[in-house]
Amino acid sequence: MGLMPPVSNSPTLQKDYETLMKDAQELIARKDKLEQELRELEDVLINAGVGMDTPLVDNSGFPRSEIDIHTIRTSRNMIHRLRNDHREIMSEIEKILHRIHQLKKAPDDAAESSTLSNAPNTNSIITNTENLDTRNERPVAYAVVNAVAPDSPAYTAGLRRNDHIIQFGNINAVNHERLQALNALISQSENQELPVTVSRDGILLQMLVTPKTGWGGRGTLGCHLLPL
């Protein structure tokens, strides 16, 4: 988790911290397992050429014969259930991390309070805005994946239809220039790994994409992006 334990001589505080850390680690392990199961179920739909809302009947109202209707319906139901479970786990993780940070902060607050009580009075207040915590700022997506070709570099890396692009290499919502800067980056980065951050159903995912030719389709990524 990367969090240091609180600096305190209180056995109770240390025990609470260790309990919370254990709970957080267990929840994160469950989250990782759910995400893996979701990826596998989404692959079932992608391989069948359908999405979560694609009609399973033809224009005449008959079940489509080219797909396994039962498997698709089962996969969709499981995806809905796992997404709900994932949202609940993410909420629990957020609560526990908040409590852990409160425990870590408590000894510092106590020490600061003691120092301030002994400090001389002053008529000036200095406000430092450079170190404001901006972790609660929501990432901004600037493009959406409209289509992904099977076996393409984009598909192999994990990109899926409806993924919202937040960061692609060094291109983000501020500097993408209506995707022109992104297209330039991709064309200049053949056979080079590019870090990508996407939002999928409210979940942030990170992956490495390697643009390349000769994979059997058009372009070096094999996916189509639309600006938001």
Protein backbone atom coordinates (compact mmCIF):
# COMPACT_ATOMS: atom_id res chain seq x y z
CA MET A 1 0.00 0.00 0.00
CA GLY A 2 3.01 2.28 0.49
CA LEU A 3 1.69 3.88 3.71
CA MET A 4 4.00 4.38 6.66
CA PRO A 5 2.65 3.51 10.13
CA PRO A 6 1.83 6.39 12.47
CA VAL A 7 4.66 7.60 14.68
CA SER A 8 3.17 7.06 18.12
CA ASN A 9 3.89 5.26 21.36
CA SER A 10 0.23 4.28 21.72
CA PRO A 11 -0.24 0.48 21.42
CA THR A 12 -3.94 1.02 20.68
CA LEU A 13 -3.18 3.37 17.80
CA GLN A 14 -0.65 0.95 16.32
CA LYS A 15 -3.08 -1.98 16.63
CA ASP A 16 -5.86 0.00 14.92
CA TYR A 17 -3.48 0.89 12.11
CA GLU A 18 -2.38 -2.71 11.58
CA THR A 19 -6.01 -3.91 11.54
CA LEU A 20 -6.99 -1.30 8.99
CA MET A 21 -3.99 -2.11 6.81
CA LYS A 22 -4.90 -5.80 6.85
CA ASP A 23 -8.51 -5.01 5.93
CA ALA A 24 -7.36 -2.72 3.11
CA GLN A 25 -5.01 -5.34 1.69
CA GLU A 26 -7.76 -7.96 1.70
CA LEU A 27 -10.16 -5.60 -0.06
CA ILE A 28 -7.56 -4.69 -2.67
CA ALA A 29 -6.94 -8.39 -3.35
CA ARG A 30 -10.69 -8.88 -3.84
CA LYS A 31 -10.79 -5.83 -6.11
CA ASP A 32 -7.98 -7.20 -8.28
CA LYS A 33 -9.75 -10.55 -8.57
CA LEU A 34 -13.02 -8.86 -9.57
CA GLU A 35 -11.25 -6.79 -12.22
CA GLN A 36 -9.69 -9.91 -13.69
CA GLU A 37 -13.07 -11.66 -13.80
CA LEU A 38 -14.63 -8.59 -15.44
CA ARG A 39 -11.92 -8.52 -18.12
CA GLU A 40 -12.49 -12.19 -18.91
CA LEU A 41 -16.27 -11.72 -19.18
CA GLU A 42 -15.86 -8.63 -21.36
CA ASP A 43 -13.58 -10.64 -23.64
CA VAL A 44 -16.41 -13.16 -24.10
CA LEU A 45 -18.66 -10.38 -25.39
CA ILE A 46 -15.94 -8.87 -27.56
CA ASN A 47 -15.09 -12.22 -29.15
CA ALA A 48 -18.79 -12.69 -29.93
CA GLY A 49 -18.94 -9.22 -31.46
CA VAL A 50 -21.56 -7.89 -29.05
CA GLY A 51 -21.69 -5.37 -26.26
CA MET A 52 -23.75 -4.98 -23.11
CA ASP A 53 -26.69 -3.51 -25.04
CA THR A 54 -26.40 -5.21 -28.43
CA PRO A 55 -29.74 -6.80 -29.49
CA LEU A 56 -29.71 -10.59 -29.36
CA VAL A 57 -32.55 -10.93 -31.85
CA ASP A 58 -32.63 -10.18 -35.57
CA ASN A 59 -34.90 -7.74 -37.39
CA SER A 60 -37.65 -10.35 -37.42
CA GLY A 61 -37.49 -10.86 -33.68
CA PHE A 62 -35.83 -14.27 -33.79
CA PRO A 63 -32.75 -15.13 -31.69
CA ARG A 64 -29.55 -14.51 -33.62
CA SER A 65 -28.20 -17.87 -34.77
CA GLU A 66 -24.56 -16.78 -35.12
CA ILE A 67 -24.04 -16.20 -31.38
CA ASP A 68 -24.49 -18.24 -28.22
CA ILE A 69 -27.46 -16.41 -26.68
CA HIS A 70 -27.26 -18.26 -23.36
CA THR A 71 -23.56 -17.52 -22.89
CA ILE A 72 -24.00 -13.84 -23.78
CA ARG A 73 -26.91 -13.39 -21.38
CA THR A 74 -25.07 -15.18 -18.58
CA SER A 75 -21.95 -13.09 -19.16
CA ARG A 76 -23.95 -9.86 -19.17
CA ASN A 77 -25.70 -10.73 -15.90
CA MET A 78 -22.39 -11.59 -14.25
CA ILE A 79 -20.82 -8.35 -15.51
CA HIS A 80 -23.66 -6.32 -13.98
CA ARG A 81 -23.28 -8.15 -10.67
CA LEU A 82 -19.49 -7.87 -10.57
CA ARG A 83 -19.58 -4.17 -11.44
CA ASN A 84 -21.90 -3.55 -8.50
CA ASP A 85 -19.62 -5.59 -6.24
CA HIS A 86 -16.63 -3.63 -7.55
CA ARG A 87 -18.24 -0.27 -6.77
CA GLU A 88 -19.00 -1.42 -3.22
CA ILE A 89 -15.43 -2.63 -2.67
CA MET A 90 -13.97 0.61 -4.04
CA SER A 91 -16.17 2.54 -1.62
CA GLU A 92 -14.97 0.40 1.29
CA ILE A 93 -11.32 0.83 0.25
CA GLU A 94 -11.78 4.60 0.10
CA LYS A 95 -13.27 4.64 3.61
CA ILE A 96 -10.47 2.52 5.06
CA LEU A 97 -7.74 4.60 3.39
CA HIS A 98 -9.35 7.73 4.81
CA ARG A 99 -9.28 6.23 8.31
CA ILE A 100 -5.65 5.16 7.84
CA HIS A 101 -4.67 8.69 6.86
CA GLN A 102 -6.54 10.02 9.89
CA LEU A 103 -4.53 7.71 12.15
CA LYS A 104 -1.29 8.77 10.49
CA LYS A 105 -2.22 12.41 10.87
CA ALA A 106 -3.30 12.24 14.53
CA PRO A 107 0.23 12.20 16.07
CA ASP A 108 1.32 15.04 13.78
CA ASP A 109 -1.73 17.11 14.70
CA ALA A 110 -1.08 16.55 18.39
CA ALA A 111 2.55 17.63 18.02
CA GLU A 112 1.60 20.66 15.95
CA SER A 113 -1.03 21.69 18.48
CA SER A 114 1.53 21.52 21.28
CA THR A 115 4.00 23.60 19.27
CA LEU A 116 1.43 26.25 18.40
CA SER A 117 0.29 26.58 22.01
CA ASN A 118 3.84 27.60 22.95
CA ALA A 119 4.43 29.81 19.93
CA PRO A 120 4.38 33.63 20.18
CA ASN A 121 1.35 35.52 18.87
CA THR A 122 1.54 36.94 15.36
CA ASN A 123 -0.74 39.23 13.40
CA SER A 124 0.12 37.73 10.01
CA ILE A 125 -1.11 34.48 8.46
CA ILE A 126 0.85 32.93 5.59
CA THR A 127 -1.17 30.73 3.26
CA ASN A 128 0.81 28.29 1.09
CA THR A 129 -1.26 27.12 -1.86
CA GLU A 130 1.57 25.24 -3.56
CA ASN A 131 1.13 22.11 -1.45
CA LEU A 132 -2.66 21.87 -1.52
CA ASP A 133 -3.84 18.27 -1.80
CA THR A 134 -5.30 17.85 -5.28
CA ARG A 135 -5.75 14.08 -5.14
CA ASN A 136 -9.53 14.46 -5.10
CA GLU A 137 -9.53 16.13 -8.52
CA ARG A 138 -11.30 13.89 -11.03
CA PRO A 139 -9.23 12.97 -14.10
CA VAL A 140 -10.57 14.38 -17.35
CA ALA A 141 -11.08 12.14 -20.37
CA TYR A 142 -10.62 13.64 -23.80
CA ALA A 143 -11.33 10.71 -26.15
CA VAL A 144 -13.36 7.51 -26.26
CA VAL A 145 -12.50 4.20 -27.90
CA ASN A 146 -15.16 3.71 -30.57
CA ALA A 147 -13.94 0.34 -31.88
CA VAL A 148 -11.10 -2.14 -31.31
CA ALA A 149 -10.02 -4.76 -33.82
CA PRO A 150 -9.40 -8.27 -32.46
CA ASP A 151 -5.71 -9.21 -32.14
CA SER A 152 -4.68 -5.58 -32.70
CA PRO A 153 -1.97 -3.88 -30.60
CA ALA A 154 -4.73 -1.92 -28.83
CA TYR A 155 -6.72 -5.08 -28.04
CA THR A 156 -3.61 -6.95 -26.87
CA ALA A 157 -2.75 -4.09 -24.53
CA GLY A 158 -6.24 -4.22 -22.99
CA LEU A 159 -8.07 -1.33 -24.65
CA ARG A 160 -11.77 -1.97 -25.12
CA ARG A 161 -14.69 -0.22 -26.78
CA ASN A 162 -16.12 2.67 -24.72
CA ASP A 163 -12.90 3.11 -22.74
CA HIS A 164 -12.37 6.81 -21.99
CA ILE A 165 -8.81 7.99 -22.63
CA ILE A 166 -7.39 10.12 -19.84
CA GLN A 167 -3.67 9.92 -20.61
CA PHE A 168 -1.90 8.49 -23.66
CA GLY A 169 1.86 8.85 -23.36
CA ASN A 170 2.26 12.54 -22.50
CA ILE A 171 -1.00 13.54 -24.18
CA ASN A 172 -3.87 14.55 -21.92
CA ALA A 173 -7.02 16.68 -21.91
CA VAL A 174 -4.98 19.88 -21.96
CA ASN A 175 -2.66 19.29 -24.92
CA HIS A 176 -4.34 16.80 -27.27
CA GLU A 177 -5.38 19.48 -29.83
CA ARG A 178 -8.53 17.66 -30.98
CA LEU A 179 -6.48 14.41 -31.08
CA GLN A 180 -3.95 15.85 -33.56
CA ALA A 181 -1.18 15.70 -30.96
CA LEU A 182 -2.21 12.14 -30.06
CA ASN A 183 -2.13 11.03 -33.70
CA ALA A 184 1.32 12.57 -34.10
CA LEU A 185 2.59 10.79 -30.99
CA ILE A 186 1.30 7.40 -32.17
CA SER A 187 2.80 7.80 -35.64
CA GLN A 188 6.18 8.66 -34.12
CA SER A 189 6.15 5.84 -31.55
CA GLU A 190 6.05 2.66 -33.62
CA ASN A 191 7.41 -0.32 -31.64
CA GLN A 192 7.66 1.83 -28.50
CA GLU A 193 5.66 1.21 -25.34
CA LEU A 194 3.34 4.07 -24.38
CA PRO A 195 1.65 4.24 -20.97
CA VAL A 196 -2.10 4.70 -21.21
CA THR A 197 -4.65 5.53 -18.51
CA VAL A 198 -8.33 4.94 -19.22
CA SER A 199 -11.59 5.12 -17.33
CA ARG A 200 -13.83 2.08 -17.70
CA ASP A 201 -17.19 2.22 -15.92
CA GLY A 202 -15.72 4.63 -13.40
CA ILE A 203 -12.63 2.49 -12.82
CA LEU A 204 -9.18 3.83 -13.66
CA LEU A 205 -7.02 1.31 -15.52
CA GLN A 206 -3.41 1.60 -16.65
CA MET A 207 -1.79 -0.34 -19.49
CA LEU A 208 1.10 -0.25 -21.96
CA VAL A 209 0.32 0.05 -25.68
CA THR A 210 2.89 -0.59 -28.43
CA PRO A 211 1.91 0.83 -31.85
CA LYS A 212 3.18 -1.41 -34.66
CA THR A 213 2.52 -2.38 -38.24
CA GLY A 214 2.18 -5.89 -39.63
CA TRP A 215 -0.33 -7.13 -37.05
CA GLY A 216 -2.86 -7.98 -39.78
CA GLY A 217 -5.02 -4.88 -39.88
CA ARG A 218 -5.07 -1.18 -40.62
CA GLY A 219 -3.08 1.39 -38.67
CA THR A 220 -0.54 0.84 -35.93
CA LEU A 221 -3.07 0.56 -33.08
CA GLY A 222 -6.09 -1.14 -34.59
CA CYS A 223 -8.60 1.03 -32.76
CA HIS A 224 -10.71 4.06 -33.57
CA LEU A 225 -10.82 7.03 -31.19
CA LEU A 226 -13.38 9.83 -31.06
CA PRO A 227 -12.80 13.17 -29.30
CA LEU A 228 -15.03 14.05 -26.35
